[in-house]
């Protein structure tokens, strides 16, 4: 028998509760359905990155050939490299 989820007065109270309790004690996850949230964007963080001017110029040239902003191309390059490195380690 699953425990009953309490009624919370605030989000902060609920957050504290779930930090200290296992949700499996309160709900049957075997019935859960996977959902996709297509409009949900991951959180981003602004960073400052110093690169040689020649590297930025080359990046802009490559981005221009692909008709994308150079910052977006840089994110793609970083993502691909991170994935490759993680596959080699794991």
PDB file of N, CA and C in Angstrom:
ATOM      1  N   UNK A   1       0.842  -1.187   0.000  1.00  0.00           N
ATOM      2  CA  UNK A   1       0.000   0.000   0.000  1.00  0.00           C
ATOM      3  C   UNK A   1       0.886   1.248   0.000  1.00  0.00           C
ATOM      4  N   UNK A   2       0.623   2.129  -0.918  1.00  0.00           N
ATOM      5  CA  UNK A   2       1.403   3.355  -1.044  1.00  0.00           C
ATOM      6  C   UNK A   2       0.973   4.371   0.006  1.00  0.00           C
ATOM      7  N   UNK A   3       1.945   5.164   0.432  1.00  0.00           N
ATOM      8  CA  UNK A   3       1.647   6.229   1.401  1.00  0.00           C
ATOM      9  C   UNK A   3       0.896   7.348   0.697  1.00  0.00           C
ATOM     10  N   UNK A   4       0.190   8.117   1.473  1.00  0.00           N
ATOM     11  CA  UNK A   4      -0.592   9.220   0.930  1.00  0.00           C
ATOM     12  C   UNK A   4       0.267  10.486   0.848  1.00  0.00           C
ATOM     13  N   UNK A   5       0.227  11.160  -0.283  1.00  0.00           N
ATOM     14  CA  UNK A   5       0.995  12.395  -0.454  1.00  0.00           C
ATOM     15  C   UNK A   5       0.318  13.500   0.340  1.00  0.00           C
ATOM     16  N   UNK A   6       1.084  14.187   1.201  1.00  0.00           N
ATOM     17  CA  UNK A   6       0.470  15.251   2.002  1.00  0.00           C
ATOM     18  C   UNK A   6       0.086  16.458   1.142  1.00  0.00           C
ATOM     19  N   UNK A   7      -0.749  17.297   1.695  1.00  0.00           N
ATOM     20  CA  UNK A   7      -1.127  18.557   1.045  1.00  0.00           C
ATOM     21  C   UNK A   7      -0.105  19.597   1.495  1.00  0.00           C
ATOM     22  N   UNK A   8       0.480  20.303   0.536  1.00  0.00           N
ATOM     23  CA  UNK A   8       1.518  21.272   0.849  1.00  0.00           C
ATOM     24  C   UNK A   8       0.952  22.684   0.791  1.00  0.00           C
ATOM     25  N   UNK A   9       1.417  23.523   1.705  1.00  0.00           N
ATOM     26  CA  UNK A   9       0.969  24.916   1.733  1.00  0.00           C
ATOM     27  C   UNK A   9       1.757  25.784   0.753  1.00  0.00           C
ATOM     28  N   UNK A  10       3.005  25.412   0.514  1.00  0.00           N
ATOM     29  CA  UNK A  10       3.861  26.204  -0.385  1.00  0.00           C
ATOM     30  C   UNK A  10       4.727  25.275  -1.222  1.00  0.00           C
ATOM     31  N   UNK A  11       5.280  25.818  -2.306  1.00  0.00           N
ATOM     32  CA  UNK A  11       6.214  25.041  -3.123  1.00  0.00           C
ATOM     33  C   UNK A  11       7.470  24.718  -2.337  1.00  0.00           C
ATOM     34  N   UNK A  12       7.908  25.662  -1.508  1.00  0.00           N
ATOM     35  CA  UNK A  12       9.106  25.432  -0.694  1.00  0.00           C
ATOM     36  C   UNK A  12       8.899  24.247   0.244  1.00  0.00           C
ATOM     37  N   UNK A  13       7.719  24.159   0.840  1.00  0.00           N
ATOM     38  CA  UNK A  13       7.394  23.035   1.731  1.00  0.00           C
ATOM     39  C   UNK A  13       7.423  21.721   0.945  1.00  0.00           C
ATOM     40  N   UNK A  14       6.847  21.728  -0.248  1.00  0.00           N
ATOM     41  CA  UNK A  14       6.839  20.518  -1.071  1.00  0.00           C
ATOM     42  C   UNK A  14       8.255  20.130  -1.487  1.00  0.00           C
ATOM     43  N   UNK A  15       9.063  21.121  -1.845  1.00  0.00           N
ATOM     44  CA  UNK A  15      10.445  20.858  -2.233  1.00  0.00           C
ATOM     45  C   UNK A  15      11.217  20.196  -1.077  1.00  0.00           C
ATOM     46  N   UNK A  16      11.055  20.718   0.135  1.00  0.00           N
ATOM     47  CA  UNK A  16      11.719  20.135   1.314  1.00  0.00           C
ATOM     48  C   UNK A  16      11.251  18.692   1.538  1.00  0.00           C
ATOM     49  N   UNK A  17       9.950  18.464   1.360  1.00  0.00           N
ATOM     50  CA  UNK A  17       9.399  17.124   1.563  1.00  0.00           C
ATOM     51  C   UNK A  17      10.033  16.123   0.594  1.00  0.00           C
ATOM     52  N   UNK A  18      10.047  16.463  -0.709  1.00  0.00           N
ATOM     53  CA  UNK A  18      10.562  15.514  -1.693  1.00  0.00           C
ATOM     54  C   UNK A  18      12.072  15.340  -1.610  1.00  0.00           C
ATOM     55  N   UNK A  19      12.776  16.309  -1.047  1.00  0.00           N
ATOM     56  CA  UNK A  19      14.209  16.144  -0.819  1.00  0.00           C
ATOM     57  C   UNK A  19      14.465  15.060   0.218  1.00  0.00           C
ATOM     58  N   UNK A  20      13.523  14.898   1.128  1.00  0.00           N
ATOM     59  CA  UNK A  20      13.709  13.974   2.246  1.00  0.00           C
ATOM     60  C   UNK A  20      12.963  12.650   2.094  1.00  0.00           C
ATOM     61  N   UNK A  21      12.138  12.503   1.059  1.00  0.00           N
ATOM     62  CA  UNK A  21      11.320  11.300   0.906  1.00  0.00           C
ATOM     63  C   UNK A  21      11.480  10.705  -0.493  1.00  0.00           C
ATOM     64  N   UNK A  22      11.348   9.394  -0.577  1.00  0.00           N
ATOM     65  CA  UNK A  22      11.430   8.678  -1.851  1.00  0.00           C
ATOM     66  C   UNK A  22      10.037   8.627  -2.483  1.00  0.00           C
ATOM     67  N   UNK A  23       9.927   9.141  -3.708  1.00  0.00           N
ATOM     68  CA  UNK A  23       8.616   9.183  -4.375  1.00  0.00           C
ATOM     69  C   UNK A  23       8.044   7.788  -4.620  1.00  0.00           C
ATOM     70  N   UNK A  24       8.898   6.772  -4.692  1.00  0.00           N
ATOM     71  CA  UNK A  24       8.422   5.399  -4.913  1.00  0.00           C
ATOM     72  C   UNK A  24       7.565   4.901  -3.746  1.00  0.00           C
ATOM     73  N   UNK A  25       7.716   5.518  -2.583  1.00  0.00           N
ATOM     74  CA  UNK A  25       6.878   5.162  -1.436  1.00  0.00           C
ATOM     75  C   UNK A  25       5.462   5.735  -1.578  1.00  0.00           C
ATOM     76  N   UNK A  26       5.295   6.669  -2.504  1.00  0.00           N
ATOM     77  CA  UNK A  26       4.030   7.401  -2.623  1.00  0.00           C
ATOM     78  C   UNK A  26       3.297   7.168  -3.945  1.00  0.00           C
ATOM     79  N   UNK A  27       3.999   6.652  -4.945  1.00  0.00           N
ATOM     80  CA  UNK A  27       3.332   6.410  -6.224  1.00  0.00           C
ATOM     81  C   UNK A  27       3.930   5.212  -6.937  1.00  0.00           C
ATOM     82  N   UNK A  28       3.138   4.613  -7.794  1.00  0.00           N
ATOM     83  CA  UNK A  28       3.558   3.441  -8.552  1.00  0.00           C
ATOM     84  C   UNK A  28       4.114   3.906  -9.894  1.00  0.00           C
ATOM     85  N   UNK A  29       5.438   3.921 -10.010  1.00  0.00           N
ATOM     86  CA  UNK A  29       6.075   4.430 -11.227  1.00  0.00           C
ATOM     87  C   UNK A  29       5.959   3.454 -12.403  1.00  0.00           C
ATOM     88  N   UNK A  30       5.516   2.222 -12.167  1.00  0.00           N
ATOM     89  CA  UNK A  30       5.393   1.273 -13.280  1.00  0.00           C
ATOM     90  C   UNK A  30       4.284   1.691 -14.247  1.00  0.00           C
ATOM     91  N   UNK A  31       3.362   2.513 -13.785  1.00  0.00           N
ATOM     92  CA  UNK A  31       2.280   3.011 -14.646  1.00  0.00           C
ATOM     93  C   UNK A  31       2.624   4.343 -15.320  1.00  0.00           C
ATOM     94  N   UNK A  32       3.799   4.873 -15.013  1.00  0.00           N
ATOM     95  CA  UNK A  32       4.172   6.190 -15.541  1.00  0.00           C
ATOM     96  C   UNK A  32       4.378   6.134 -17.053  1.00  0.00           C
ATOM     97  N   UNK A  33       4.058   7.219 -17.709  1.00  0.00           N
ATOM     98  CA  UNK A  33       4.249   7.330 -19.152  1.00  0.00           C
ATOM     99  C   UNK A  33       5.316   8.368 -19.438  1.00  0.00           C
ATOM    100  N   UNK A  34       6.146   8.096 -20.434  1.00  0.00           N
ATOM    101  CA  UNK A  34       7.155   9.053 -20.858  1.00  0.00           C
ATOM    102  C   UNK A  34       6.485  10.128 -21.696  1.00  0.00           C
ATOM    103  N   UNK A  35       6.806  11.371 -21.423  1.00  0.00           N
ATOM    104  CA  UNK A  35       6.259  12.459 -22.221  1.00  0.00           C
ATOM    105  C   UNK A  35       7.410  13.267 -22.812  1.00  0.00           C
ATOM    106  N   UNK A  36       7.130  13.970 -23.872  1.00  0.00           N
ATOM    107  CA  UNK A  36       8.107  14.829 -24.518  1.00  0.00           C
ATOM    108  C   UNK A  36       7.602  16.258 -24.409  1.00  0.00           C
ATOM    109  N   UNK A  37       8.474  17.140 -23.973  1.00  0.00           N
ATOM    110  CA  UNK A  37       8.149  18.557 -23.870  1.00  0.00           C
ATOM    111  C   UNK A  37       8.968  19.307 -24.920  1.00  0.00           C
ATOM    112  N   UNK A  38       8.457  19.368 -26.149  1.00  0.00           N
ATOM    113  CA  UNK A  38       9.260  19.893 -27.259  1.00  0.00           C
ATOM    114  C   UNK A  38       9.617  21.368 -27.138  1.00  0.00           C
ATOM    115  N   UNK A  39       8.855  22.143 -26.401  1.00  0.00           N
ATOM    116  CA  UNK A  39       9.142  23.570 -26.302  1.00  0.00           C
ATOM    117  C   UNK A  39       9.990  23.925 -25.087  1.00  0.00           C
ATOM    118  N   UNK A  40      10.346  22.918 -24.285  1.00  0.00           N
ATOM    119  CA  UNK A  40      11.160  23.146 -23.108  1.00  0.00           C
ATOM    120  C   UNK A  40      12.611  23.324 -23.540  1.00  0.00           C
ATOM    121  N   UNK A  41      13.185  24.449 -23.182  1.00  0.00           N
ATOM    122  CA  UNK A  41      14.572  24.721 -23.557  1.00  0.00           C
ATOM    123  C   UNK A  41      15.463  24.525 -22.338  1.00  0.00           C
ATOM    124  N   UNK A  42      16.653  23.945 -22.563  1.00  0.00           N
ATOM    125  CA  UNK A  42      17.553  23.763 -21.426  1.00  0.00           C
ATOM    126  C   UNK A  42      18.039  25.116 -20.906  1.00  0.00           C
ATOM    127  N   UNK A  43      18.348  25.158 -19.636  1.00  0.00           N
ATOM    128  CA  UNK A  43      18.899  26.376 -19.049  1.00  0.00           C
ATOM    129  C   UNK A  43      20.249  26.665 -19.690  1.00  0.00           C
ATOM    130  N   UNK A  44      20.542  27.927 -19.843  1.00  0.00           N
ATOM    131  CA  UNK A  44      21.837  28.310 -20.401  1.00  0.00           C
ATOM    132  C   UNK A  44      22.563  29.200 -19.414  1.00  0.00           C
ATOM    133  N   UNK A  45      23.857  29.255 -19.566  1.00  0.00           N
ATOM    134  CA  UNK A  45      24.692  30.105 -18.723  1.00  0.00           C
ATOM    135  C   UNK A  45      25.628  30.880 -19.627  1.00  0.00           C
ATOM    136  N   UNK A  46      25.691  32.170 -19.418  1.00  0.00           N
ATOM    137  CA  UNK A  46      26.579  33.013 -20.193  1.00  0.00           C
ATOM    138  C   UNK A  46      27.983  32.920 -19.613  1.00  0.00           C
ATOM    139  N   UNK A  47      28.950  32.707 -20.497  1.00  0.00           N
ATOM    140  CA  UNK A  47      30.345  32.664 -20.064  1.00  0.00           C
ATOM    141  C   UNK A  47      31.156  33.624 -20.915  1.00  0.00           C
ATOM    142  N   UNK A  48      32.303  33.982 -20.414  1.00  0.00           N
ATOM    143  CA  UNK A  48      33.230  34.803 -21.168  1.00  0.00           C
ATOM    144  C   UNK A  48      34.354  33.883 -21.622  1.00  0.00           C
ATOM    145  N   UNK A  49      34.662  33.926 -22.898  1.00  0.00           N
ATOM    146  CA  UNK A  49      35.665  33.037 -23.459  1.00  0.00           C
ATOM    147  C   UNK A  49      36.582  33.842 -24.359  1.00  0.00           C
ATOM    148  N   UNK A  50      37.853  33.840 -24.048  1.00  0.00           N
ATOM    149  CA  UNK A  50      38.821  34.576 -24.868  1.00  0.00           C
ATOM    150  C   UNK A  50      39.431  33.623 -25.877  1.00  0.00           C
ATOM    151  N   UNK A  51      39.303  33.981 -27.144  1.00  0.00           N
ATOM    152  CA  UNK A  51      39.851  33.171 -28.233  1.00  0.00           C
ATOM    153  C   UNK A  51      40.723  34.066 -29.102  1.00  0.00           C
ATOM    154  N   UNK A  52      41.723  33.485 -29.744  1.00  0.00           N
ATOM    155  CA  UNK A  52      42.514  34.282 -30.683  1.00  0.00           C
ATOM    156  C   UNK A  52      41.608  34.827 -31.799  1.00  0.00           C
ATOM    157  N   UNK A  53      41.870  36.045 -32.222  1.00  0.00           N
ATOM    158  CA  UNK A  53      41.046  36.659 -33.269  1.00  0.00           C
ATOM    159  C   UNK A  53      40.997  35.801 -34.516  1.00  0.00           C
ATOM    160  N   UNK A  54      42.126  35.186 -34.867  1.00  0.00           N
ATOM    161  CA  UNK A  54      42.156  34.358 -36.077  1.00  0.00           C
ATOM    162  C   UNK A  54      41.199  33.173 -35.955  1.00  0.00           C
ATOM    163  N   UNK A  55      41.088  32.614 -34.741  1.00  0.00           N
ATOM    164  CA  UNK A  55      40.177  31.489 -34.535  1.00  0.00           C
ATOM    165  C   UNK A  55      38.723  31.942 -34.684  1.00  0.00           C
ATOM    166  N   UNK A  56      38.406  33.104 -34.134  1.00  0.00           N
ATOM    167  CA  UNK A  56      37.040  33.637 -34.251  1.00  0.00           C
ATOM    168  C   UNK A  56      36.736  33.924 -35.719  1.00  0.00           C
ATOM    169  N   UNK A  57      37.703  34.488 -36.444  1.00  0.00           N
ATOM    170  CA  UNK A  57      37.505  34.768 -37.876  1.00  0.00           C
ATOM    171  C   UNK A  57      37.240  33.487 -38.668  1.00  0.00           C
ATOM    172  N   UNK A  58      38.005  32.442 -38.354  1.00  0.00           N
ATOM    173  CA  UNK A  58      37.803  31.166 -39.051  1.00  0.00           C
ATOM    174  C   UNK A  58      36.448  30.557 -38.700  1.00  0.00           C
ATOM    175  N   UNK A  59      36.078  30.673 -37.445  1.00  0.00           N
ATOM    176  CA  UNK A  59      34.773  30.175 -37.013  1.00  0.00           C
ATOM    177  C   UNK A  59      33.652  30.914 -37.730  1.00  0.00           C
ATOM    178  N   UNK A  60      33.790  32.219 -37.847  1.00  0.00           N
ATOM    179  CA  UNK A  60      32.785  33.019 -38.562  1.00  0.00           C
ATOM    180  C   UNK A  60      32.713  32.624 -40.026  1.00  0.00           C
ATOM    181  N   UNK A  61      33.863  32.346 -40.629  1.00  0.00           N
ATOM    182  CA  UNK A  61      33.894  31.919 -42.035  1.00  0.00           C
ATOM    183  C   UNK A  61      33.150  30.592 -42.203  1.00  0.00           C
ATOM    184  N   UNK A  62      33.435  29.639 -41.327  1.00  0.00           N
ATOM    185  CA  UNK A  62      32.746  28.341 -41.393  1.00  0.00           C
ATOM    186  C   UNK A  62      31.243  28.498 -41.159  1.00  0.00           C
ATOM    187  N   UNK A  63      30.888  29.325 -40.205  1.00  0.00           N
ATOM    188  CA  UNK A  63      29.470  29.545 -39.904  1.00  0.00           C
ATOM    189  C   UNK A  63      28.762  30.199 -41.082  1.00  0.00           C
ATOM    190  N   UNK A  64      29.424  31.148 -41.703  1.00  0.00           N
ATOM    191  CA  UNK A  64      28.843  31.833 -42.868  1.00  0.00           C
ATOM    192  C   UNK A  64      28.568  30.847 -44.002  1.00  0.00           C
ATOM    193  N   UNK A  65      29.479  29.913 -44.212  1.00  0.00           N
ATOM    194  CA  UNK A  65      29.283  28.890 -45.256  1.00  0.00           C
ATOM    195  C   UNK A  65      28.065  28.016 -44.957  1.00  0.00           C
ATOM    196  N   UNK A  66      27.774  27.837 -43.676  1.00  0.00           N
ATOM    197  CA  UNK A  66      26.629  27.013 -43.271  1.00  0.00           C
ATOM    198  C   UNK A  66      25.380  27.847 -43.007  1.00  0.00           C
ATOM    199  N   UNK A  67      25.520  29.150 -43.130  1.00  0.00           N
ATOM    200  CA  UNK A  67      24.409  30.089 -42.913  1.00  0.00           C
ATOM    201  C   UNK A  67      23.819  29.962 -41.505  1.00  0.00           C
ATOM    202  N   UNK A  68      24.714  29.906 -40.521  1.00  0.00           N
ATOM    203  CA  UNK A  68      24.307  29.871 -39.115  1.00  0.00           C
ATOM    204  C   UNK A  68      25.138  30.887 -38.343  1.00  0.00           C
ATOM    205  N   UNK A  69      24.644  31.365 -37.208  1.00  0.00           N
ATOM    206  CA  UNK A  69      25.459  32.258 -36.375  1.00  0.00           C
ATOM    207  C   UNK A  69      26.697  31.518 -35.849  1.00  0.00           C
ATOM    208  N   UNK A  70      27.809  32.227 -35.752  1.00  0.00           N
ATOM    209  CA  UNK A  70      29.037  31.550 -35.333  1.00  0.00           C
ATOM    210  C   UNK A  70      28.954  31.030 -33.895  1.00  0.00           C
ATOM    211  N   UNK A  71      28.181  31.707 -33.022  1.00  0.00           N
ATOM    212  CA  UNK A  71      28.036  31.199 -31.654  1.00  0.00           C
ATOM    213  C   UNK A  71      27.316  29.855 -31.650  1.00  0.00           C
ATOM    214  N   UNK A  72      26.329  29.710 -32.530  1.00  0.00           N
ATOM    215  CA  UNK A  72      25.600  28.436 -32.630  1.00  0.00           C
ATOM    216  C   UNK A  72      26.510  27.336 -33.144  1.00  0.00           C
ATOM    217  N   UNK A  73      27.339  27.662 -34.128  1.00  0.00           N
ATOM    218  CA  UNK A  73      28.263  26.670 -34.659  1.00  0.00           C
ATOM    219  C   UNK A  73      29.265  26.253 -33.589  1.00  0.00           C
ATOM    220  N   UNK A  74      29.723  27.199 -32.799  1.00  0.00           N
ATOM    221  CA  UNK A  74      30.648  26.888 -31.722  1.00  0.00           C
ATOM    222  C   UNK A  74      30.000  25.929 -30.716  1.00  0.00           C
ATOM    223  N   UNK A  75      28.730  26.147 -30.386  1.00  0.00           N
ATOM    224  CA  UNK A  75      28.023  25.240 -29.473  1.00  0.00           C
ATOM    225  C   UNK A  75      27.924  23.834 -30.064  1.00  0.00           C
ATOM    226  N   UNK A  76      27.679  23.742 -31.374  1.00  0.00           N
ATOM    227  CA  UNK A  76      27.616  22.435 -32.031  1.00  0.00           C
ATOM    228  C   UNK A  76      28.965  21.739 -31.943  1.00  0.00           C
ATOM    229  N   UNK A  77      30.043  22.484 -32.257  1.00  0.00           N
ATOM    230  CA  UNK A  77      31.384  21.902 -32.199  1.00  0.00           C
ATOM    231  C   UNK A  77      31.714  21.417 -30.789  1.00  0.00           C
ATOM    232  N   UNK A  78      31.399  22.231 -29.787  1.00  0.00           N
ATOM    233  CA  UNK A  78      31.668  21.840 -28.407  1.00  0.00           C
ATOM    234  C   UNK A  78      30.853  20.619 -28.004  1.00  0.00           C
ATOM    235  N   UNK A  79      29.588  20.593 -28.376  1.00  0.00           N
ATOM    236  CA  UNK A  79      28.719  19.473 -28.035  1.00  0.00           C
ATOM    237  C   UNK A  79      29.234  18.172 -28.650  1.00  0.00           C
ATOM    238  N   UNK A  80      29.623  18.237 -29.925  1.00  0.00           N
ATOM    239  CA  UNK A  80      30.137  17.040 -30.604  1.00  0.00           C
ATOM    240  C   UNK A  80      31.402  16.536 -29.919  1.00  0.00           C
ATOM    241  N   UNK A  81      32.285  17.447 -29.561  1.00  0.00           N
ATOM    242  CA  UNK A  81      33.544  17.042 -28.934  1.00  0.00           C
ATOM    243  C   UNK A  81      33.311  16.475 -27.538  1.00  0.00           C
ATOM    244  N   UNK A  82      32.428  17.087 -26.789  1.00  0.00           N
ATOM    245  CA  UNK A  82      32.103  16.581 -25.458  1.00  0.00           C
ATOM    246  C   UNK A  82      31.522  15.175 -25.550  1.00  0.00           C
ATOM    247  N   UNK A  83      30.595  14.957 -26.487  1.00  0.00           N
ATOM    248  CA  UNK A  83      30.027  13.624 -26.683  1.00  0.00           C
ATOM    249  C   UNK A  83      31.121  12.604 -27.009  1.00  0.00           C
ATOM    250  N   UNK A  84      32.029  12.971 -27.907  1.00  0.00           N
ATOM    251  CA  UNK A  84      33.116  12.070 -28.312  1.00  0.00           C
ATOM    252  C   UNK A  84      34.016  11.731 -27.122  1.00  0.00           C
ATOM    253  N   UNK A  85      34.376  12.743 -26.347  1.00  0.00           N
ATOM    254  CA  UNK A  85      35.232  12.520 -25.180  1.00  0.00           C
ATOM    255  C   UNK A  85      34.547  11.617 -24.155  1.00  0.00           C
ATOM    256  N   UNK A  86      33.258  11.853 -23.916  1.00  0.00           N
ATOM    257  CA  UNK A  86      32.527  11.039 -22.936  1.00  0.00           C
ATOM    258  C   UNK A  86      32.406   9.603 -23.390  1.00  0.00           C
ATOM    259  N   UNK A  87      32.232   9.370 -24.693  1.00  0.00           N
ATOM    260  CA  UNK A  87      32.164   7.991 -25.217  1.00  0.00           C
ATOM    261  C   UNK A  87      33.502   7.273 -25.029  1.00  0.00           C
ATOM    262  N   UNK A  88      34.595   7.995 -25.192  1.00  0.00           N
ATOM    263  CA  UNK A  88      35.923   7.381 -25.032  1.00  0.00           C
ATOM    264  C   UNK A  88      36.201   7.035 -23.576  1.00  0.00           C
ATOM    265  N   UNK A  89      35.752   7.885 -22.669  1.00  0.00           N
ATOM    266  CA  UNK A  89      35.971   7.652 -21.237  1.00  0.00           C
ATOM    267  C   UNK A  89      35.081   6.542 -20.731  1.00  0.00           C
ATOM    268  N   UNK A  90      33.805   6.585 -21.149  1.00  0.00           N
ATOM    269  CA  UNK A  90      32.813   5.628 -20.654  1.00  0.00           C
ATOM    270  C   UNK A  90      32.900   4.371 -21.377  1.00  0.00           C
TER     271      UNK A  90
END
